[in-house]
Amino acid sequence: MKSVFENEFFSSNRTLHCGGRLVDLQTPRVMGILNVTPDSFFAGSRYSSLDQLQAEAGRMLEAGATFLDIGGYSTRPGAADITVAEEVQRVVPAIRAILTAFPGALISIDTFRSEVAAEAVAAGAHLVNDVSGGTLDAAMFDTVARLQVPYVLMHMRGTPQTMTTQTHYADLLKEVLDFLHQALSALRQRGVKDVIIDPGFGFAKTPTQNFELLQHFGHFRVLGCPVLAGLSRKSMIWRTLEQRPEDALNGTTVLNTIALMKGAGILRVHDVHEAVEAVKLVMLTDRSSAQKSVV
């Protein structure tokens, strides 16, 4: 359940204007991960054909996903770089295929490149999910402002190729919050209304630092935006438990539950059904606690 401190002092906007619809995040939502890459860290999230992608998108939507996050550039540590053209060729047909099969689906494009974001939105995507928080493409903030779509603002240092060398912080929480606050101000100055905050678990952070950020996850709500938790099957889980990513579902559910209890508005996951179950159970616990406090 959320702490009294979080409820009273860390209130935030809990709605998104997305694809002509108002998405209420008072009940947390689940974002399913669909990668059209050959080298994502979790093999179970890679889809090599449009038929396979459509089938998995259908399963995720049926399981309760509100958003589907399409990525065409692997951001695992040390991943190979690809051209803008190749990324566009991966994601645009995927977006069109999903919307052909499921016209009501809300699509997020996972990219740090403004050109890819623009092409994806033109193809029907509704949100931009930028792992770099605007640091890898100076045109990204202006592009999002022009497109007028919700934007996931994530903290990262360096690039996917160099981020593991960028993990020294004098004060982790303060530095991550300062970065997000400054970037959020730049977005607001450009007229971007709907921003989702993501502290960037696993991006330029060690496992110990990831757990520190999770401990203080509720603090990110001070920025006044919904907060996304991207913990699914990450190395902070499977390395800590001495597993493989394929074995990290239980650990993912545990950490997702903690994030929900600290105010997460969106869970970005590979396993939608289990995340939806976590949301339902945490919300029931939260409502029960609220009812007892009133009595």
Protein backbone atom coordinates (compact mmCIF):
# COMPACT_ATOMS: atom_id res chain seq x y z
CA MET A 1 0.00 0.00 0.00
CA LYS A 2 1.16 3.60 -0.51
CA SER A 3 2.58 5.34 2.52
CA VAL A 4 0.77 8.31 4.07
CA PHE A 5 3.74 10.47 3.06
CA GLU A 6 3.38 9.46 -0.59
CA ASN A 7 -0.38 9.97 -0.61
CA GLU A 8 -0.34 13.44 0.97
CA PHE A 9 2.78 15.03 -0.42
CA PHE A 10 3.63 13.23 -3.65
CA SER A 11 0.34 13.58 -5.47
CA SER A 12 0.66 13.68 -9.25
CA ASN A 13 -1.33 13.91 -12.43
CA ARG A 14 -2.94 10.51 -13.03
CA THR A 15 -4.31 10.89 -16.55
CA LEU A 16 -2.92 10.82 -20.10
CA HIS A 17 -4.41 12.20 -23.31
CA CYS A 18 -3.55 9.41 -25.70
CA GLY A 19 -4.85 8.73 -29.19
CA GLY A 20 -7.90 10.91 -28.63
CA ARG A 21 -8.70 9.11 -25.40
CA LEU A 22 -8.23 10.00 -21.75
CA VAL A 23 -6.36 7.17 -20.00
CA ASP A 24 -6.96 7.12 -16.25
CA LEU A 25 -3.90 5.97 -14.31
CA GLN A 26 -5.61 6.03 -10.94
CA THR A 27 -5.60 2.29 -11.46
CA PRO A 28 -2.08 1.47 -12.71
CA ARG A 29 -1.76 0.33 -16.31
CA VAL A 30 0.40 -2.30 -17.96
CA MET A 31 2.60 -1.72 -21.02
CA GLY A 32 3.57 -4.86 -22.94
CA ILE A 33 7.01 -5.08 -24.56
CA LEU A 34 7.20 -6.12 -28.21
CA ASN A 35 10.70 -6.03 -29.69
CA VAL A 36 11.32 -6.31 -33.42
CA THR A 37 15.05 -6.76 -32.88
CA PRO A 38 17.26 -9.84 -33.21
CA ASP A 39 19.34 -9.09 -30.12
CA SER A 40 17.17 -7.95 -27.19
CA PHE A 41 18.44 -9.30 -23.88
CA PHE A 42 15.35 -11.47 -23.30
CA ALA A 43 14.78 -13.88 -26.18
CA GLY A 44 11.11 -14.23 -25.27
CA SER A 45 10.43 -10.63 -26.31
CA ARG A 46 11.83 -10.93 -29.85
CA TYR A 47 9.41 -11.31 -32.75
CA SER A 48 10.79 -12.07 -36.20
CA SER A 49 7.56 -12.09 -38.25
CA LEU A 50 4.53 -9.81 -38.40
CA ASP A 51 2.19 -12.76 -37.89
CA GLN A 52 4.02 -13.70 -34.72
CA LEU A 53 3.98 -10.07 -33.57
CA GLN A 54 0.24 -9.74 -34.18
CA ALA A 55 -0.46 -12.94 -32.28
CA GLU A 56 1.55 -11.81 -29.25
CA ALA A 57 -0.03 -8.35 -29.38
CA GLY A 58 -3.45 -10.03 -29.27
CA ARG A 59 -2.44 -12.12 -26.27
CA MET A 60 -1.15 -9.06 -24.42
CA LEU A 61 -4.28 -7.03 -25.10
CA GLU A 62 -6.50 -9.91 -24.05
CA ALA A 63 -4.46 -10.25 -20.85
CA GLY A 64 -5.12 -6.61 -20.01
CA ALA A 65 -2.32 -4.50 -21.51
CA THR A 66 -3.29 -0.86 -22.03
CA PHE A 67 -0.21 -0.02 -24.10
CA LEU A 68 2.03 -1.98 -26.47
CA ASP A 69 5.64 -0.75 -26.62
CA ILE A 70 7.33 -1.39 -29.98
CA GLY A 71 11.12 -1.28 -30.10
CA GLY A 72 13.40 -1.68 -33.09
CA TYR A 73 16.75 -0.79 -31.49
CA SER A 74 18.15 -3.03 -28.78
CA THR A 75 19.24 -0.99 -25.76
CA ARG A 76 20.79 -3.84 -23.81
CA PRO A 77 24.34 -3.02 -22.60
CA GLY A 78 26.79 -3.20 -25.48
CA ALA A 79 24.12 -3.67 -28.16
CA ALA A 80 25.14 -3.02 -31.76
CA ASP A 81 24.25 0.32 -33.32
CA ILE A 82 21.91 0.41 -36.35
CA THR A 83 20.95 3.16 -38.78
CA VAL A 84 17.84 5.29 -38.52
CA ALA A 85 16.60 3.77 -41.77
CA GLU A 86 16.94 0.24 -40.44
CA GLU A 87 15.12 1.13 -37.22
CA VAL A 88 12.29 2.71 -39.19
CA GLN A 89 12.07 -0.37 -41.43
CA ARG A 90 11.67 -2.52 -38.35
CA VAL A 91 9.09 -0.54 -36.39
CA VAL A 92 6.78 1.07 -38.95
CA PRO A 93 5.52 -2.22 -40.50
CA ALA A 94 5.13 -3.61 -36.96
CA ILE A 95 2.98 -0.67 -35.87
CA ARG A 96 0.83 -0.90 -38.99
CA ALA A 97 0.39 -4.64 -38.62
CA ILE A 98 -0.75 -4.36 -35.01
CA LEU A 99 -3.18 -1.54 -35.74
CA THR A 100 -4.58 -3.44 -38.71
CA ALA A 101 -5.40 -6.36 -36.42
CA PHE A 102 -6.27 -4.26 -33.36
CA PRO A 103 -7.38 -0.74 -34.39
CA GLY A 104 -8.02 0.29 -30.79
CA ALA A 105 -4.56 -0.58 -29.48
CA LEU A 106 -2.48 2.21 -27.94
CA ILE A 107 1.03 1.96 -29.36
CA SER A 108 4.21 3.31 -27.77
CA ILE A 109 7.34 3.69 -29.88
CA ASP A 110 10.52 2.86 -27.97
CA THR A 111 13.18 5.04 -29.60
CA PHE A 112 15.67 7.79 -28.77
CA ARG A 113 15.68 9.13 -32.35
CA SER A 114 13.35 11.95 -33.33
CA GLU A 115 13.12 10.80 -36.96
CA VAL A 116 12.00 7.35 -35.88
CA ALA A 117 9.51 8.86 -33.43
CA ALA A 118 7.99 11.02 -36.16
CA GLU A 119 7.74 8.12 -38.63
CA ALA A 120 6.19 5.89 -35.96
CA VAL A 121 3.57 8.46 -34.96
CA ALA A 122 2.74 8.99 -38.64
CA ALA A 123 2.18 5.22 -38.84
CA GLY A 124 -0.20 5.34 -35.88
CA ALA A 125 1.86 5.27 -32.66
CA HIS A 126 0.41 7.24 -29.76
CA LEU A 127 3.30 7.69 -27.31
CA VAL A 128 7.08 8.17 -27.53
CA ASN A 129 9.21 6.21 -25.06
CA ASP A 130 12.74 7.69 -25.09
CA VAL A 131 15.32 5.81 -23.02
CA SER A 132 17.79 8.71 -23.37
CA GLY A 133 15.55 11.44 -21.98
CA GLY A 134 16.40 13.60 -24.97
CA THR A 135 20.18 13.39 -24.53
CA LEU A 136 20.92 11.41 -27.70
CA ASP A 137 18.91 13.53 -30.14
CA ALA A 138 18.73 17.29 -29.68
CA ALA A 139 15.61 17.42 -31.86
CA MET A 140 13.57 14.99 -29.76
CA PHE A 141 11.87 17.48 -27.42
CA ASP A 142 10.86 19.79 -30.29
CA THR A 143 9.61 16.78 -32.25
CA VAL A 144 7.45 15.52 -29.38
CA ALA A 145 6.09 19.03 -28.89
CA ARG A 146 5.17 19.20 -32.58
CA LEU A 147 3.59 15.73 -32.54
CA GLN A 148 1.67 16.49 -29.32
CA VAL A 149 1.87 12.94 -27.98
CA PRO A 150 2.67 11.71 -24.47
CA TYR A 151 6.39 11.28 -23.81
CA VAL A 152 8.16 8.86 -21.49
CA LEU A 153 11.12 10.77 -20.05
CA MET A 154 13.77 8.33 -18.82
CA HIS A 155 17.09 8.89 -17.11
CA MET A 156 20.18 7.46 -18.75
CA ARG A 157 23.82 8.41 -19.11
CA GLY A 158 25.92 7.73 -22.19
CA THR A 159 24.64 5.40 -24.90
CA PRO A 160 23.59 1.73 -24.88
CA GLN A 161 27.17 1.00 -25.90
CA THR A 162 28.82 3.04 -23.10
CA MET A 163 26.29 3.29 -20.25
CA THR A 164 27.91 0.59 -18.10
CA THR A 165 30.93 2.88 -17.70
CA GLN A 166 28.77 5.82 -16.53
CA THR A 167 27.66 4.57 -13.11
CA HIS A 168 29.50 6.91 -10.72
CA TYR A 169 27.18 9.24 -8.78
CA ALA A 170 27.95 11.44 -5.81
CA ASP A 171 24.27 11.32 -4.83
CA LEU A 172 22.26 8.93 -7.02
CA LEU A 173 18.71 9.97 -6.14
CA LYS A 174 19.47 13.69 -6.26
CA GLU A 175 21.28 13.49 -9.59
CA VAL A 176 18.57 11.41 -11.24
CA LEU A 177 15.84 13.70 -9.91
CA ASP A 178 17.76 16.82 -10.99
CA PHE A 179 18.16 15.48 -14.52
CA LEU A 180 14.48 14.59 -14.78
CA HIS A 181 13.39 17.93 -13.32
CA GLN A 182 15.48 19.92 -15.79
CA ALA A 183 14.34 17.84 -18.75
CA LEU A 184 10.72 18.10 -17.62
CA SER A 185 11.05 21.89 -17.44
CA ALA A 186 12.42 21.95 -21.00
CA LEU A 187 9.48 19.86 -22.19
CA ARG A 188 6.95 22.07 -20.41
CA GLN A 189 8.50 25.18 -21.99
CA ARG A 190 7.85 23.58 -25.38
CA GLY A 191 4.23 22.87 -24.51
CA VAL A 192 4.47 19.11 -23.96
CA LYS A 193 1.54 18.38 -21.66
CA ASP A 194 1.67 14.63 -20.96
CA VAL A 195 4.98 13.39 -19.56
CA ILE A 196 5.63 10.06 -17.85
CA ILE A 197 8.70 9.77 -15.62
CA ASP A 198 10.98 6.72 -15.73
CA PRO A 199 14.03 6.56 -13.42
CA GLY A 200 15.75 4.19 -15.85
CA PHE A 201 16.41 0.96 -13.99
CA GLY A 202 19.46 -0.72 -15.50
CA PHE A 203 20.55 2.25 -17.59
CA ALA A 204 23.89 3.56 -16.30
CA LYS A 205 23.15 2.06 -12.88
CA THR A 206 24.61 -0.90 -11.04
CA PRO A 207 22.31 -3.50 -9.44
CA THR A 208 22.90 -1.87 -6.04
CA GLN A 209 21.96 1.53 -7.46
CA ASN A 210 18.84 0.05 -9.05
CA PHE A 211 17.66 -1.23 -5.70
CA GLU A 212 18.40 2.15 -4.14
CA LEU A 213 16.20 3.83 -6.76
CA LEU A 214 13.44 1.29 -6.16
CA GLN A 215 13.63 1.96 -2.42
CA HIS A 216 13.01 5.66 -3.14
CA PHE A 217 10.70 5.12 -6.11
CA GLY A 218 7.87 7.09 -4.52
CA HIS A 219 10.02 10.21 -4.50
CA PHE A 220 9.75 10.53 -8.28
CA ARG A 221 6.09 11.46 -7.90
CA VAL A 222 7.25 14.86 -6.58
CA LEU A 223 7.72 15.81 -10.25
CA GLY A 224 3.93 15.77 -10.63
CA CYS A 225 3.81 13.18 -13.42
CA PRO A 226 2.85 9.51 -13.63
CA VAL A 227 5.83 7.25 -12.98
CA LEU A 228 6.69 4.18 -15.04
CA ALA A 229 8.54 1.17 -13.62
CA GLY A 230 10.63 -0.74 -16.14
CA LEU A 231 11.93 -3.64 -14.09
CA SER A 232 10.90 -6.62 -16.16
CA ARG A 233 13.47 -9.45 -16.19
CA LYS A 234 16.36 -7.01 -15.79
CA SER A 235 19.80 -8.06 -14.61
CA MET A 236 19.25 -6.54 -11.16
CA ILE A 237 16.88 -9.50 -10.70
CA TRP A 238 18.51 -12.45 -12.41
CA ARG A 239 22.10 -11.57 -11.50
CA THR A 240 21.12 -11.06 -7.87
CA LEU A 241 19.27 -14.39 -7.81
CA GLU A 242 21.95 -16.13 -9.92
CA GLN A 243 19.48 -16.96 -12.69
CA ARG A 244 18.96 -16.36 -16.40
CA PRO A 245 16.53 -13.74 -17.77
CA GLU A 246 14.23 -16.64 -18.70
CA ASP A 247 13.91 -17.52 -15.00
CA ALA A 248 13.27 -13.98 -13.70
CA LEU A 249 9.47 -13.79 -13.84
CA ASN A 250 8.93 -14.38 -10.12
CA GLY A 251 11.54 -11.77 -9.21
CA THR A 252 9.97 -9.36 -11.68
CA THR A 253 6.57 -9.76 -10.04
CA VAL A 254 8.06 -9.10 -6.61
CA LEU A 255 9.73 -5.86 -7.73
CA ASN A 256 6.68 -4.75 -9.72
CA THR A 257 4.61 -5.19 -6.59
CA ILE A 258 7.02 -2.99 -4.63
CA ALA A 259 6.88 -0.35 -7.37
CA LEU A 260 3.06 -0.41 -7.31
CA MET A 261 3.06 0.03 -3.55
CA LYS A 262 5.27 3.09 -4.03
CA GLY A 263 2.94 4.69 -6.57
CA ALA A 264 3.84 3.35 -10.03
CA GLY A 265 1.28 4.37 -12.64
CA ILE A 266 2.56 2.12 -15.43
CA LEU A 267 4.38 -1.22 -15.40
CA ARG A 268 6.42 -1.93 -18.55
CA VAL A 269 6.69 -5.71 -18.78
CA HIS A 270 7.33 -8.77 -20.91
CA ASP A 271 4.68 -10.77 -19.00
CA VAL A 272 1.37 -8.91 -19.10
CA HIS A 273 -0.90 -11.45 -17.40
CA GLU A 274 1.23 -11.61 -14.24
CA ALA A 275 1.60 -7.83 -14.09
CA VAL A 276 -2.15 -7.31 -14.39
CA GLU A 277 -2.66 -9.75 -11.53
CA ALA A 278 -0.17 -7.81 -9.40
CA VAL A 279 -2.04 -4.57 -10.12
CA LYS A 280 -5.39 -6.11 -9.13
CA LEU A 281 -4.08 -7.51 -5.85
CA VAL A 282 -2.19 -4.36 -4.85
CA MET A 283 -5.18 -2.17 -5.65
CA LEU A 284 -7.45 -4.37 -3.51
CA THR A 285 -4.97 -4.12 -0.64
CA ASP A 286 -4.75 -0.34 -1.08
CA ARG A 287 -8.54 0.09 -1.10
CA SER A 288 -8.91 -2.11 1.97
CA SER A 289 -6.33 -0.03 3.81
CA ALA A 290 -8.07 3.21 2.79
CA GLN A 291 -11.43 1.91 4.02
CA LYS A 292 -9.96 0.95 7.39
CA SER A 293 -8.35 4.38 7.80
CA VAL A 294 -11.73 6.07 7.17
CA VAL A 295 -13.45 3.82 9.72
